[in-house]
Amino acid sequence: MLGFSQGAATASRWAAYGGLQPDELVLWSGLLAHDLDRARAAERLGDTRVRFVVGRDDRFRNDAALAEQQAWLDQVGVGCGMVDYDGGHRLDPDTLLQLARDT
């Protein structure tokens, strides 16, 4: 499951509350929804790999918020990672292909 920008919050809600459990949740230029029930999200995301993807020049990049969310996911045992790419607030085709190869 991939959510881009504001769609990252929507994708995280689907992963936490929806009927499907994705193998992977890619939050591209976005974060987990601020209003997630963290206990439920931790339970539902337990078997889901979460990856944050963000451009080095993304004007909306928030390293402090990314670090906080990564720390929380690590704390609750959800595998997560970070992928940086050269560029701004956009989907990058080469990075997308890299992600597809890494699954």
PDB file of N, CA and C in Angstrom:
ATOM      1  N   MET A   1       0.861  -1.153   0.000  1.00  0.00           N
ATOM      2  CA  MET A   1       0.000   0.000   0.000  1.00  0.00           C
ATOM      3  C   MET A   1       0.913   1.222   0.000  1.00  0.00           C
ATOM      4  N   LEU A   2       0.602   2.179  -0.846  1.00  0.00           N
ATOM      5  CA  LEU A   2       1.392   3.395  -0.938  1.00  0.00           C
ATOM      6  C   LEU A   2       0.480   4.597  -0.811  1.00  0.00           C
ATOM      7  N   GLY A   3       0.893   5.519   0.041  1.00  0.00           N
ATOM      8  CA  GLY A   3       0.201   6.796   0.160  1.00  0.00           C
ATOM      9  C   GLY A   3       1.188   7.914  -0.076  1.00  0.00           C
ATOM     10  N   PHE A   4       0.822   8.872  -0.927  1.00  0.00           N
ATOM     11  CA  PHE A   4       1.694  10.002  -1.240  1.00  0.00           C
ATOM     12  C   PHE A   4       1.158  11.274  -0.607  1.00  0.00           C
ATOM     13  N   SER A   5       2.048  12.017   0.039  1.00  0.00           N
ATOM     14  CA  SER A   5       1.739  13.305   0.625  1.00  0.00           C
ATOM     15  C   SER A   5       0.595  13.162   1.639  1.00  0.00           C
ATOM     16  N   GLN A   6      -0.497  13.886   1.462  1.00  0.00           N
ATOM     17  CA  GLN A   6      -1.617  13.757   2.393  1.00  0.00           C
ATOM     18  C   GLN A   6      -2.241  12.365   2.341  1.00  0.00           C
ATOM     19  N   GLY A   7      -2.048  11.661   1.219  1.00  0.00           N
ATOM     20  CA  GLY A   7      -2.552  10.299   1.087  1.00  0.00           C
ATOM     21  C   GLY A   7      -1.830   9.313   1.988  1.00  0.00           C
ATOM     22  N   ALA A   8      -0.665   9.694   2.522  1.00  0.00           N
ATOM     23  CA  ALA A   8       0.048   8.818   3.460  1.00  0.00           C
ATOM     24  C   ALA A   8      -0.780   8.623   4.734  1.00  0.00           C
ATOM     25  N   ALA A   9      -1.390   9.686   5.210  1.00  0.00           N
ATOM     26  CA  ALA A   9      -2.244   9.572   6.401  1.00  0.00           C
ATOM     27  C   ALA A   9      -3.445   8.676   6.109  1.00  0.00           C
ATOM     28  N   THR A  10      -4.039   8.836   4.931  1.00  0.00           N
ATOM     29  CA  THR A  10      -5.171   7.989   4.548  1.00  0.00           C
ATOM     30  C   THR A  10      -4.754   6.532   4.463  1.00  0.00           C
ATOM     31  N   ALA A  11      -3.614   6.266   3.841  1.00  0.00           N
ATOM     32  CA  ALA A  11      -3.123   4.887   3.735  1.00  0.00           C
ATOM     33  C   ALA A  11      -2.856   4.291   5.113  1.00  0.00           C
ATOM     34  N   SER A  12      -2.319   5.082   6.025  1.00  0.00           N
ATOM     35  CA  SER A  12      -2.058   4.553   7.367  1.00  0.00           C
ATOM     36  C   SER A  12      -3.357   4.236   8.106  1.00  0.00           C
ATOM     37  N   ARG A  13      -4.388   5.022   7.858  1.00  0.00           N
ATOM     38  CA  ARG A  13      -5.698   4.715   8.457  1.00  0.00           C
ATOM     39  C   ARG A  13      -6.261   3.416   7.888  1.00  0.00           C
ATOM     40  N   TRP A  14      -6.148   3.232   6.572  1.00  0.00           N
ATOM     41  CA  TRP A  14      -6.624   1.986   5.958  1.00  0.00           C
ATOM     42  C   TRP A  14      -5.878   0.794   6.549  1.00  0.00           C
ATOM     43  N   ALA A  15      -4.563   0.931   6.711  1.00  0.00           N
ATOM     44  CA  ALA A  15      -3.765  -0.165   7.249  1.00  0.00           C
ATOM     45  C   ALA A  15      -4.144  -0.462   8.699  1.00  0.00           C
ATOM     46  N   ALA A  16      -4.457   0.563   9.459  1.00  0.00           N
ATOM     47  CA  ALA A  16      -4.772   0.374  10.881  1.00  0.00           C
ATOM     48  C   ALA A  16      -6.216  -0.051  11.130  1.00  0.00           C
ATOM     49  N   TYR A  17      -7.142   0.382  10.280  1.00  0.00           N
ATOM     50  CA  TYR A  17      -8.562   0.148  10.546  1.00  0.00           C
ATOM     51  C   TYR A  17      -9.284  -0.666   9.479  1.00  0.00           C
ATOM     52  N   GLY A  18      -8.662  -0.857   8.325  1.00  0.00           N
ATOM     53  CA  GLY A  18      -9.334  -1.514   7.215  1.00  0.00           C
ATOM     54  C   GLY A  18      -9.372  -3.024   7.331  1.00  0.00           C
ATOM     55  N   GLY A  19     -10.031  -3.648   6.371  1.00  0.00           N
ATOM     56  CA  GLY A  19     -10.179  -5.096   6.356  1.00  0.00           C
ATOM     57  C   GLY A  19      -8.980  -5.836   5.802  1.00  0.00           C
ATOM     58  N   LEU A  20      -8.097  -5.135   5.108  1.00  0.00           N
ATOM     59  CA  LEU A  20      -6.910  -5.761   4.535  1.00  0.00           C
ATOM     60  C   LEU A  20      -5.688  -5.377   5.354  1.00  0.00           C
ATOM     61  N   GLN A  21      -4.765  -6.306   5.469  1.00  0.00           N
ATOM     62  CA  GLN A  21      -3.510  -5.984   6.135  1.00  0.00           C
ATOM     63  C   GLN A  21      -2.399  -6.060   5.091  1.00  0.00           C
ATOM     64  N   PRO A  22      -1.839  -4.903   4.733  1.00  0.00           N
ATOM     65  CA  PRO A  22      -0.802  -4.916   3.701  1.00  0.00           C
ATOM     66  C   PRO A  22       0.499  -5.518   4.224  1.00  0.00           C
ATOM     67  N   ASP A  23       1.247  -6.126   3.309  1.00  0.00           N
ATOM     68  CA  ASP A  23       2.584  -6.604   3.655  1.00  0.00           C
ATOM     69  C   ASP A  23       3.518  -5.428   3.889  1.00  0.00           C
ATOM     70  N   GLU A  24       3.254  -4.362   3.136  1.00  0.00           N
ATOM     71  CA  GLU A  24       4.112  -3.179   3.225  1.00  0.00           C
ATOM     72  C   GLU A  24       3.264  -1.923   3.123  1.00  0.00           C
ATOM     73  N   LEU A  25       3.654  -0.921   3.895  1.00  0.00           N
ATOM     74  CA  LEU A  25       3.012   0.390   3.869  1.00  0.00           C
ATOM     75  C   LEU A  25       4.093   1.413   3.554  1.00  0.00           C
ATOM     76  N   VAL A  26       3.983   2.048   2.399  1.00  0.00           N
ATOM     77  CA  VAL A  26       4.949   3.052   1.968  1.00  0.00           C
ATOM     78  C   VAL A  26       4.316   4.423   2.156  1.00  0.00           C
ATOM     79  N   LEU A  27       4.932   5.219   3.001  1.00  0.00           N
ATOM     80  CA  LEU A  27       4.467   6.575   3.270  1.00  0.00           C
ATOM     81  C   LEU A  27       5.417   7.522   2.547  1.00  0.00           C
ATOM     82  N   TRP A  28       4.990   7.975   1.375  1.00  0.00           N
ATOM     83  CA  TRP A  28       5.853   8.750   0.484  1.00  0.00           C
ATOM     84  C   TRP A  28       5.551  10.233   0.678  1.00  0.00           C
ATOM     85  N   SER A  29       6.531  10.961   1.152  1.00  0.00           N
ATOM     86  CA  SER A  29       6.385  12.402   1.414  1.00  0.00           C
ATOM     87  C   SER A  29       5.234  12.674   2.369  1.00  0.00           C
ATOM     88  N   GLY A  30       5.061  11.787   3.331  1.00  0.00           N
ATOM     89  CA  GLY A  30       4.004  11.949   4.322  1.00  0.00           C
ATOM     90  C   GLY A  30       4.281  11.111   5.554  1.00  0.00           C
ATOM     91  N   LEU A  31       3.368  11.196   6.499  1.00  0.00           N
ATOM     92  CA  LEU A  31       3.523  10.548   7.795  1.00  0.00           C
ATOM     93  C   LEU A  31       2.296   9.717   8.135  1.00  0.00           C
ATOM     94  N   LEU A  32       2.425   8.932   9.189  1.00  0.00           N
ATOM     95  CA  LEU A  32       1.259   8.259   9.760  1.00  0.00           C
ATOM     96  C   LEU A  32       0.237   9.315  10.169  1.00  0.00           C
ATOM     97  N   ALA A  33      -1.022   8.977  10.095  1.00  0.00           N
ATOM     98  CA  ALA A  33      -2.075   9.913  10.506  1.00  0.00           C
ATOM     99  C   ALA A  33      -1.884  10.288  11.973  1.00  0.00           C
ATOM    100  N   HIS A  34      -2.052  11.564  12.272  1.00  0.00           N
ATOM    101  CA  HIS A  34      -1.863  12.046  13.649  1.00  0.00           C
ATOM    102  C   HIS A  34      -2.934  11.519  14.599  1.00  0.00           C
ATOM    103  N   ASP A  35      -4.074  11.095  14.059  1.00  0.00           N
ATOM    104  CA  ASP A  35      -5.193  10.683  14.903  1.00  0.00           C
ATOM    105  C   ASP A  35      -5.336   9.166  15.016  1.00  0.00           C
ATOM    106  N   LEU A  36      -4.303   8.414  14.634  1.00  0.00           N
ATOM    107  CA  LEU A  36      -4.380   6.947  14.762  1.00  0.00           C
ATOM    108  C   LEU A  36      -4.483   6.545  16.224  1.00  0.00           C
ATOM    109  N   ASP A  37      -5.297   5.563  16.485  1.00  0.00           N
ATOM    110  CA  ASP A  37      -5.285   4.909  17.794  1.00  0.00           C
ATOM    111  C   ASP A  37      -3.994   4.102  17.830  1.00  0.00           C
ATOM    112  N   ARG A  38      -3.032   4.553  18.597  1.00  0.00           N
ATOM    113  CA  ARG A  38      -1.694   3.953  18.549  1.00  0.00           C
ATOM    114  C   ARG A  38      -1.686   2.496  18.984  1.00  0.00           C
ATOM    115  N   ALA A  39      -2.501   2.138  19.945  1.00  0.00           N
ATOM    116  CA  ALA A  39      -2.550   0.735  20.372  1.00  0.00           C
ATOM    117  C   ALA A  39      -3.071  -0.143  19.239  1.00  0.00           C
ATOM    118  N   ARG A  40      -4.129   0.292  18.616  1.00  0.00           N
ATOM    119  CA  ARG A  40      -4.687  -0.481  17.498  1.00  0.00           C
ATOM    120  C   ARG A  40      -3.719  -0.517  16.323  1.00  0.00           C
ATOM    121  N   ALA A  41      -3.109   0.616  16.009  1.00  0.00           N
ATOM    122  CA  ALA A  41      -2.160   0.669  14.900  1.00  0.00           C
ATOM    123  C   ALA A  41      -0.983  -0.261  15.160  1.00  0.00           C
ATOM    124  N   ALA A  42      -0.474  -0.287  16.381  1.00  0.00           N
ATOM    125  CA  ALA A  42       0.654  -1.163  16.704  1.00  0.00           C
ATOM    126  C   ALA A  42       0.274  -2.623  16.496  1.00  0.00           C
ATOM    127  N   GLU A  43      -0.933  -2.983  16.905  1.00  0.00           N
ATOM    128  CA  GLU A  43      -1.406  -4.362  16.737  1.00  0.00           C
ATOM    129  C   GLU A  43      -1.579  -4.706  15.258  1.00  0.00           C
ATOM    130  N   ARG A  44      -2.225  -3.817  14.517  1.00  0.00           N
ATOM    131  CA  ARG A  44      -2.522  -4.094  13.108  1.00  0.00           C
ATOM    132  C   ARG A  44      -1.288  -4.035  12.217  1.00  0.00           C
ATOM    133  N   LEU A  45      -0.313  -3.213  12.569  1.00  0.00           N
ATOM    134  CA  LEU A  45       0.875  -3.058  11.734  1.00  0.00           C
ATOM    135  C   LEU A  45       1.993  -4.022  12.116  1.00  0.00           C
ATOM    136  N   GLY A  46       1.739  -4.891  13.067  1.00  0.00           N
ATOM    137  CA  GLY A  46       2.779  -5.793  13.555  1.00  0.00           C
ATOM    138  C   GLY A  46       3.462  -6.615  12.483  1.00  0.00           C
ATOM    139  N   ASP A  47       2.722  -7.037  11.460  1.00  0.00           N
ATOM    140  CA  ASP A  47       3.290  -7.844  10.388  1.00  0.00           C
ATOM    141  C   ASP A  47       3.479  -7.048   9.090  1.00  0.00           C
ATOM    142  N   THR A  48       3.400  -5.739   9.190  1.00  0.00           N
ATOM    143  CA  THR A  48       3.524  -4.866   8.028  1.00  0.00           C
ATOM    144  C   THR A  48       4.862  -4.129   8.085  1.00  0.00           C
ATOM    145  N   ARG A  49       5.557  -4.122   6.975  1.00  0.00           N
ATOM    146  CA  ARG A  49       6.799  -3.342   6.882  1.00  0.00           C
ATOM    147  C   ARG A  49       6.422  -1.918   6.489  1.00  0.00           C
ATOM    148  N   VAL A  50       6.870  -0.952   7.257  1.00  0.00           N
ATOM    149  CA  VAL A  50       6.578   0.456   6.994  1.00  0.00           C
ATOM    150  C   VAL A  50       7.850   1.120   6.478  1.00  0.00           C
ATOM    151  N   ARG A  51       7.702   1.853   5.374  1.00  0.00           N
ATOM    152  CA  ARG A  51       8.837   2.613   4.847  1.00  0.00           C
ATOM    153  C   ARG A  51       8.417   4.050   4.600  1.00  0.00           C
ATOM    154  N   PHE A  52       9.226   4.955   5.108  1.00  0.00           N
ATOM    155  CA  PHE A  52       9.069   6.374   4.838  1.00  0.00           C
ATOM    156  C   PHE A  52       9.972   6.705   3.657  1.00  0.00           C
ATOM    157  N   VAL A  53       9.426   7.351   2.647  1.00  0.00           N
ATOM    158  CA  VAL A  53      10.191   7.751   1.469  1.00  0.00           C
ATOM    159  C   VAL A  53      10.057   9.256   1.339  1.00  0.00           C
ATOM    160  N   VAL A  54      11.190   9.938   1.286  1.00  0.00           N
ATOM    161  CA  VAL A  54      11.120  11.403   1.243  1.00  0.00           C
ATOM    162  C   VAL A  54      12.306  11.962   0.466  1.00  0.00           C
ATOM    163  N   GLY A  55      12.005  12.982  -0.330  1.00  0.00           N
ATOM    164  CA  GLY A  55      13.047  13.649  -1.096  1.00  0.00           C
ATOM    165  C   GLY A  55      13.909  14.535  -0.212  1.00  0.00           C
ATOM    166  N   ARG A  56      15.176  14.561  -0.508  1.00  0.00           N
ATOM    167  CA  ARG A  56      16.095  15.395   0.270  1.00  0.00           C
ATOM    168  C   ARG A  56      15.743  16.877   0.163  1.00  0.00           C
ATOM    169  N   ASP A  57      15.103  17.258  -0.938  1.00  0.00           N
ATOM    170  CA  ASP A  57      14.733  18.659  -1.149  1.00  0.00           C
ATOM    171  C   ASP A  57      13.236  18.897  -0.998  1.00  0.00           C
ATOM    172  N   ASP A  58      12.528  17.981  -0.364  1.00  0.00           N
ATOM    173  CA  ASP A  58      11.079  18.131  -0.177  1.00  0.00           C
ATOM    174  C   ASP A  58      10.818  19.280   0.792  1.00  0.00           C
ATOM    175  N   ARG A  59      10.104  20.279   0.341  1.00  0.00           N
ATOM    176  CA  ARG A  59       9.848  21.456   1.181  1.00  0.00           C
ATOM    177  C   ARG A  59       8.962  21.140   2.381  1.00  0.00           C
ATOM    178  N   PHE A  60       8.282  19.993   2.367  1.00  0.00           N
ATOM    179  CA  PHE A  60       7.424  19.600   3.479  1.00  0.00           C
ATOM    180  C   PHE A  60       8.108  18.601   4.421  1.00  0.00           C
ATOM    181  N   ARG A  61       9.344  18.260   4.152  1.00  0.00           N
ATOM    182  CA  ARG A  61      10.079  17.280   4.961  1.00  0.00           C
ATOM    183  C   ARG A  61      10.185  17.765   6.401  1.00  0.00           C
ATOM    184  N   ASN A  62       9.883  16.855   7.329  1.00  0.00           N
ATOM    185  CA  ASN A  62       9.931  17.174   8.754  1.00  0.00           C
ATOM    186  C   ASN A  62      10.723  16.060   9.441  1.00  0.00           C
ATOM    187  N   ASP A  63      12.027  16.254   9.540  1.00  0.00           N
ATOM    188  CA  ASP A  63      12.892  15.211  10.080  1.00  0.00           C
ATOM    189  C   ASP A  63      12.566  14.862  11.533  1.00  0.00           C
ATOM    190  N   ALA A  64      12.156  15.847  12.324  1.00  0.00           N
ATOM    191  CA  ALA A  64      11.811  15.570  13.718  1.00  0.00           C
ATOM    192  C   ALA A  64      10.585  14.657  13.801  1.00  0.00           C
ATOM    193  N   ALA A  65       9.564  14.925  12.997  1.00  0.00           N
ATOM    194  CA  ALA A  65       8.359  14.088  13.001  1.00  0.00           C
ATOM    195  C   ALA A  65       8.673  12.696  12.460  1.00  0.00           C
ATOM    196  N   LEU A  66       9.509  12.609  11.426  1.00  0.00           N
ATOM    197  CA  LEU A  66       9.913  11.302  10.896  1.00  0.00           C
ATOM    198  C   LEU A  66      10.641  10.494  11.959  1.00  0.00           C
ATOM    199  N   ALA A  67      11.564  11.125  12.668  1.00  0.00           N
ATOM    200  CA  ALA A  67      12.324  10.431  13.715  1.00  0.00           C
ATOM    201  C   ALA A  67      11.405   9.959  14.838  1.00  0.00           C
ATOM    202  N   GLU A  68      10.437  10.784  15.206  1.00  0.00           N
ATOM    203  CA  GLU A  68       9.501  10.402  16.271  1.00  0.00           C
ATOM    204  C   GLU A  68       8.672   9.196  15.855  1.00  0.00           C
ATOM    205  N   GLN A  69       8.170   9.209  14.627  1.00  0.00           N
ATOM    206  CA  GLN A  69       7.346   8.090  14.173  1.00  0.00           C
ATOM    207  C   GLN A  69       8.173   6.818  14.017  1.00  0.00           C
ATOM    208  N   GLN A  70       9.393   6.946  13.513  1.00  0.00           N
ATOM    209  CA  GLN A  70      10.258   5.771  13.398  1.00  0.00           C
ATOM    210  C   GLN A  70      10.572   5.198  14.784  1.00  0.00           C
ATOM    211  N   ALA A  71      10.846   6.055  15.745  1.00  0.00           N
ATOM    212  CA  ALA A  71      11.151   5.598  17.103  1.00  0.00           C
ATOM    213  C   ALA A  71       9.954   4.872  17.705  1.00  0.00           C
ATOM    214  N   TRP A  72       8.747   5.413  17.499  1.00  0.00           N
ATOM    215  CA  TRP A  72       7.549   4.755  18.032  1.00  0.00           C
ATOM    216  C   TRP A  72       7.346   3.398  17.372  1.00  0.00           C
ATOM    217  N   LEU A  73       7.488   3.320  16.056  1.00  0.00           N
ATOM    218  CA  LEU A  73       7.322   2.042  15.363  1.00  0.00           C
ATOM    219  C   LEU A  73       8.355   1.026  15.851  1.00  0.00           C
ATOM    220  N   ASP A  74       9.599   1.453  16.016  1.00  0.00           N
ATOM    221  CA  ASP A  74      10.628   0.559  16.558  1.00  0.00           C
ATOM    222  C   ASP A  74      10.246   0.082  17.961  1.00  0.00           C
ATOM    223  N   GLN A  75       9.755   0.987  18.773  1.00  0.00           N
ATOM    224  CA  GLN A  75       9.384   0.679  20.155  1.00  0.00           C
ATOM    225  C   GLN A  75       8.292  -0.383  20.221  1.00  0.00           C
ATOM    226  N   VAL A  76       7.332  -0.340  19.304  1.00  0.00           N
ATOM    227  CA  VAL A  76       6.227  -1.298  19.340  1.00  0.00           C
ATOM    228  C   VAL A  76       6.492  -2.521  18.468  1.00  0.00           C
ATOM    229  N   GLY A  77       7.698  -2.611  17.906  1.00  0.00           N
ATOM    230  CA  GLY A  77       8.090  -3.800  17.165  1.00  0.00           C
ATOM    231  C   GLY A  77       7.633  -3.865  15.729  1.00  0.00           C
ATOM    232  N   VAL A  78       7.310  -2.720  15.142  1.00  0.00           N
ATOM    233  CA  VAL A  78       6.925  -2.678  13.731  1.00  0.00           C
ATOM    234  C   VAL A  78       8.179  -2.346  12.923  1.00  0.00           C
ATOM    235  N   GLY A  79       8.512  -3.203  11.976  1.00  0.00           N
ATOM    236  CA  GLY A  79       9.679  -2.962  11.140  1.00  0.00           C
ATOM    237  C   GLY A  79       9.479  -1.732  10.272  1.00  0.00           C
ATOM    238  N   CYS A  80      10.446  -0.844  10.300  1.00  0.00           N
ATOM    239  CA  CYS A  80      10.326   0.358   9.477  1.00  0.00           C
ATOM    240  C   CYS A  80      11.691   0.765   8.954  1.00  0.00           C
ATOM    241  N   GLY A  81      11.658   1.569   7.924  1.00  0.00           N
ATOM    242  CA  GLY A  81      12.881   2.068   7.329  1.00  0.00           C
ATOM    243  C   GLY A  81      12.639   3.400   6.659  1.00  0.00           C
ATOM    244  N   MET A  82      13.734   3.972   6.209  1.00  0.00           N
ATOM    245  CA  MET A  82      13.687   5.285   5.585  1.00  0.00           C
ATOM    246  C   MET A  82      14.436   5.221   4.261  1.00  0.00           C
ATOM    247  N   VAL A  83      13.837   5.793   3.233  1.00  0.00           N
ATOM    248  CA  VAL A  83      14.471   5.876   1.919  1.00  0.00           C
ATOM    249  C   VAL A  83      14.495   7.342   1.520  1.00  0.00           C
ATOM    250  N   ASP A  84      15.683   7.859   1.269  1.00  0.00           N
ATOM    251  CA  ASP A  84      15.856   9.221   0.764  1.00  0.00           C
ATOM    252  C   ASP A  84      16.148   9.160  -0.727  1.00  0.00           C
ATOM    253  N   TYR A  85      15.755  10.180  -1.427  1.00  0.00           N
ATOM    254  CA  TYR A  85      16.109  10.283  -2.844  1.00  0.00           C
ATOM    255  C   TYR A  85      16.389  11.739  -3.175  1.00  0.00           C
ATOM    256  N   ASP A  86      17.140  11.965  -4.229  1.00  0.00           N
ATOM    257  CA  ASP A  86      17.412  13.316  -4.692  1.00  0.00           C
ATOM    258  C   ASP A  86      16.160  13.853  -5.365  1.00  0.00           C
ATOM    259  N   GLY A  87      15.648  14.926  -4.810  1.00  0.00           N
ATOM    260  CA  GLY A  87      14.461  15.522  -5.397  1.00  0.00           C
ATOM    261  C   GLY A  87      13.565  16.135  -4.346  1.00  0.00           C
ATOM    262  N   GLY A  88      12.431  16.606  -4.815  1.00  0.00           N
ATOM    263  CA  GLY A  88      11.494  17.303  -3.956  1.00  0.00           C
ATOM    264  C   GLY A  88      10.229  16.512  -3.700  1.00  0.00           C
ATOM    265  N   HIS A  89       9.131  17.237  -3.609  1.00  0.00           N
ATOM    266  CA  HIS A  89       7.839  16.671  -3.229  1.00  0.00           C
ATOM    267  C   HIS A  89       7.166  16.083  -4.475  1.00  0.00           C
ATOM    268  N   ARG A  90       7.626  14.888  -4.835  1.00  0.00           N
ATOM    269  CA  ARG A  90       7.103  14.213  -6.027  1.00  0.00           C
ATOM    270  C   ARG A  90       7.428  12.728  -5.940  1.00  0.00           C
ATOM    271  N   LEU A  91       6.707  11.944  -6.706  1.00  0.00           N
ATOM    272  CA  LEU A  91       7.058  10.537  -6.861  1.00  0.00           C
ATOM    273  C   LEU A  91       8.247  10.464  -7.808  1.00  0.00           C
ATOM    274  N   ASP A  92       9.244   9.718  -7.422  1.00  0.00           N
ATOM    275  CA  ASP A  92      10.447   9.572  -8.219  1.00  0.00           C
ATOM    276  C   ASP A  92      10.451   8.182  -8.847  1.00  0.00           C
ATOM    277  N   PRO A  93      10.410   8.083 -10.175  1.00  0.00           N
ATOM    278  CA  PRO A  93      10.301   6.770 -10.832  1.00  0.00           C
ATOM    279  C   PRO A  93      11.427   5.801 -10.470  1.00  0.00           C
ATOM    280  N   ASP A  94      12.659   6.294 -10.397  1.00  0.00           N
ATOM    281  CA  ASP A  94      13.780   5.401 -10.075  1.00  0.00           C
ATOM    282  C   ASP A  94      13.666   4.850  -8.656  1.00  0.00           C
ATOM    283  N   THR A  95      13.263   5.690  -7.731  1.00  0.00           N
ATOM    284  CA  THR A  95      13.088   5.241  -6.349  1.00  0.00           C
ATOM    285  C   THR A  95      11.935   4.259  -6.248  1.00  0.00           C
ATOM    286  N   LEU A  96      10.868   4.514  -6.975  1.00  0.00           N
ATOM    287  CA  LEU A  96       9.732   3.593  -6.985  1.00  0.00           C
ATOM    288  C   LEU A  96      10.149   2.221  -7.507  1.00  0.00           C
ATOM    289  N   LEU A  97      10.944   2.185  -8.567  1.00  0.00           N
ATOM    290  CA  LEU A  97      11.449   0.909  -9.083  1.00  0.00           C
ATOM    291  C   LEU A  97      12.338   0.216  -8.060  1.00  0.00           C
ATOM    292  N   GLN A  98      13.167   0.978  -7.363  1.00  0.00           N
ATOM    293  CA  GLN A  98      14.022   0.408  -6.316  1.00  0.00           C
ATOM    294  C   GLN A  98      13.179  -0.246  -5.226  1.00  0.00           C
ATOM    295  N   LEU A  99      12.120   0.434  -4.812  1.00  0.00           N
ATOM    296  CA  LEU A  99      11.231  -0.108  -3.781  1.00  0.00           C
ATOM    297  C   LEU A  99      10.586  -1.409  -4.266  1.00  0.00           C
ATOM    298  N   ALA A 100      10.157  -1.429  -5.507  1.00  0.00           N
ATOM    299  CA  ALA A 100       9.521  -2.624  -6.055  1.00  0.00           C
ATOM    300  C   ALA A 100      10.501  -3.801  -6.080  1.00  0.00           C
ATOM    301  N   ARG A 101      11.753  -3.537  -6.361  1.00  0.00           N
ATOM    302  CA  ARG A 101      12.765  -4.600  -6.381  1.00  0.00           C
ATOM    303  C   ARG A 101      13.085  -5.099  -4.980  1.00  0.00           C
ATOM    304  N   ASP A 102      12.948  -4.230  -3.979  1.00  0.00           N
ATOM    305  CA  ASP A 102      13.313  -4.568  -2.599  1.00  0.00           C
ATOM    306  C   ASP A 102      12.227  -5.330  -1.853  1.00  0.00           C
ATOM    307  N   THR A 103      11.059  -5.505  -2.444  1.00  0.00           N
ATOM    308  CA  THR A 103       9.978  -6.162  -1.703  1.00  0.00           C
ATOM    309  C   THR A 103      10.130  -7.666  -1.738  1.00  0.00           C
TER     310      THR A 103
END
